[in-house]
Amino acid sequence: MVRDYSSYPCYRSSAWPIKQGDKSTFRRWATMTNNVPYQFNIYWKHGCVSEGPDEAYSTDPLNSGKPDYKLCYDTMRDNYRKCNNGGVSGNIQIGCLVYEFKAQAVQ
């Protein structure tokens, strides 16, 4: 499931930038399958200051000018694949963007 679901937050957030200090740009995709919650979040790390723009896209977190959908997808999937806590949660930060997976319902 995680492999399939990992693409959704990237696809749904790729057209809008995530901005420093703007909670309205926090991106979340969540679902429940077979009573198992899946929550994927992409957000600007609180307190993080970028050397470049104060916004970034989920497909181009370092503002390279070369959006890469696969980077976002692989990062979201790796939160689960490379975790060391039984697949409960994980996050990876690239630049100031945090890509997060949680096996819990949205609070």
Protein backbone atom coordinates (compact mmCIF):
# COMPACT_ATOMS: atom_id res chain seq x y z
CA MET A 1 0.00 0.00 0.00
CA VAL A 2 2.72 2.47 0.94
CA ARG A 3 4.37 2.05 -2.45
CA ASP A 4 1.11 2.94 -4.20
CA TYR A 5 0.10 5.71 -1.82
CA SER A 6 3.52 7.40 -1.84
CA SER A 7 2.78 9.00 -5.20
CA TYR A 8 -0.41 10.77 -4.09
CA PRO A 9 1.06 13.55 -1.93
CA CYS A 10 3.66 14.32 -4.61
CA TYR A 11 1.15 14.47 -7.43
CA ARG A 12 -1.31 16.57 -5.44
CA SER A 13 1.26 19.08 -4.21
CA SER A 14 3.58 19.50 -7.20
CA ALA A 15 1.77 22.55 -8.61
CA TRP A 16 1.82 24.65 -5.41
CA PRO A 17 4.85 25.85 -3.47
CA ILE A 18 5.33 25.10 0.21
CA LYS A 19 6.25 28.34 1.94
CA GLN A 20 8.24 29.25 5.02
CA GLY A 21 5.96 30.33 7.87
CA ASP A 22 2.73 29.72 5.90
CA LYS A 23 0.78 26.86 7.45
CA SER A 24 -1.79 27.02 4.65
CA THR A 25 0.84 25.48 2.34
CA PHE A 26 1.27 22.36 4.54
CA ARG A 27 0.45 19.41 2.27
CA ARG A 28 -1.31 16.33 3.63
CA TRP A 29 -2.77 13.25 2.06
CA ALA A 30 -4.35 10.64 4.32
CA THR A 31 -6.48 7.55 3.99
CA MET A 32 -7.59 4.48 5.90
CA THR A 33 -7.33 1.05 4.26
CA ASN A 34 -8.35 -2.16 6.05
CA ASN A 35 -8.44 -0.18 9.32
CA VAL A 36 -4.82 0.90 8.83
CA PRO A 37 -4.21 4.66 8.70
CA TYR A 38 -1.77 6.15 6.20
CA GLN A 39 -0.76 9.80 6.47
CA PHE A 40 1.71 11.57 4.19
CA ASN A 41 2.80 15.15 4.89
CA ILE A 42 5.10 17.62 3.17
CA TYR A 43 5.88 20.85 4.99
CA TRP A 44 8.45 23.58 5.63
CA LYS A 45 10.56 22.73 8.70
CA HIS A 46 9.81 25.23 11.45
CA GLY A 47 12.76 27.56 11.94
CA CYS A 48 14.53 26.49 8.76
CA VAL A 49 15.99 29.36 6.76
CA SER A 50 16.80 28.80 3.12
CA GLU A 51 19.75 30.44 1.40
CA GLY A 52 17.47 30.89 -1.59
CA PRO A 53 13.74 31.53 -1.91
CA ASP A 54 11.45 31.10 1.11
CA GLU A 55 9.36 28.58 -0.79
CA ALA A 56 9.97 25.29 -2.59
CA TYR A 57 8.02 22.68 -4.52
CA SER A 58 7.74 19.08 -3.37
CA THR A 59 9.31 18.00 -6.66
CA ASP A 60 12.18 20.54 -6.40
CA PRO A 61 13.01 21.06 -2.71
CA LEU A 62 16.43 22.60 -3.41
CA ASN A 63 15.07 25.01 -6.05
CA SER A 64 17.37 23.61 -8.73
CA GLY A 65 14.96 24.57 -11.49
CA LYS A 66 14.69 20.88 -12.42
CA PRO A 67 11.48 19.46 -10.90
CA ASP A 68 11.73 15.71 -10.32
CA TYR A 69 8.51 13.87 -9.50
CA LYS A 70 10.49 10.66 -8.89
CA LEU A 71 12.57 12.38 -6.18
CA CYS A 72 9.41 13.24 -4.25
CA TYR A 73 7.92 9.78 -4.75
CA ASP A 74 11.11 7.93 -3.77
CA THR A 75 11.55 10.14 -0.70
CA MET A 76 8.00 9.47 0.52
CA ARG A 77 8.40 5.74 -0.08
CA ASP A 78 11.81 5.64 1.63
CA ASN A 79 10.23 7.05 4.80
CA TYR A 80 8.59 3.66 5.15
CA ARG A 81 11.15 1.39 3.46
CA LYS A 82 14.18 2.64 5.37
CA CYS A 83 12.57 3.19 8.76
CA ASN A 84 13.88 1.42 11.83
CA ASN A 85 10.71 1.47 13.93
CA GLY A 86 8.56 -1.17 12.27
CA GLY A 87 7.00 1.10 9.66
CA VAL A 88 5.21 3.31 12.17
CA SER A 89 6.58 6.62 10.91
CA GLY A 90 9.51 8.39 9.39
CA ASN A 91 10.63 11.65 7.86
CA ILE A 92 13.33 12.87 5.54
CA GLN A 93 14.36 16.51 5.23
CA ILE A 94 15.68 17.88 1.93
CA GLY A 95 16.58 21.54 2.14
CA CYS A 96 13.84 23.04 4.30
CA LEU A 97 11.11 20.62 3.21
CA VAL A 98 10.18 17.66 5.38
CA TYR A 99 8.64 14.58 3.75
CA GLU A 100 6.82 12.59 6.43
CA PHE A 101 4.97 9.28 6.67
CA LYS A 102 2.87 8.35 9.69
CA ALA A 103 0.87 5.19 10.26
CA GLN A 104 -1.72 7.09 12.28
CA ALA A 105 -4.97 8.87 11.64
CA VAL A 106 -4.99 12.63 11.25
CA GLN A 107 -5.58 14.26 14.64
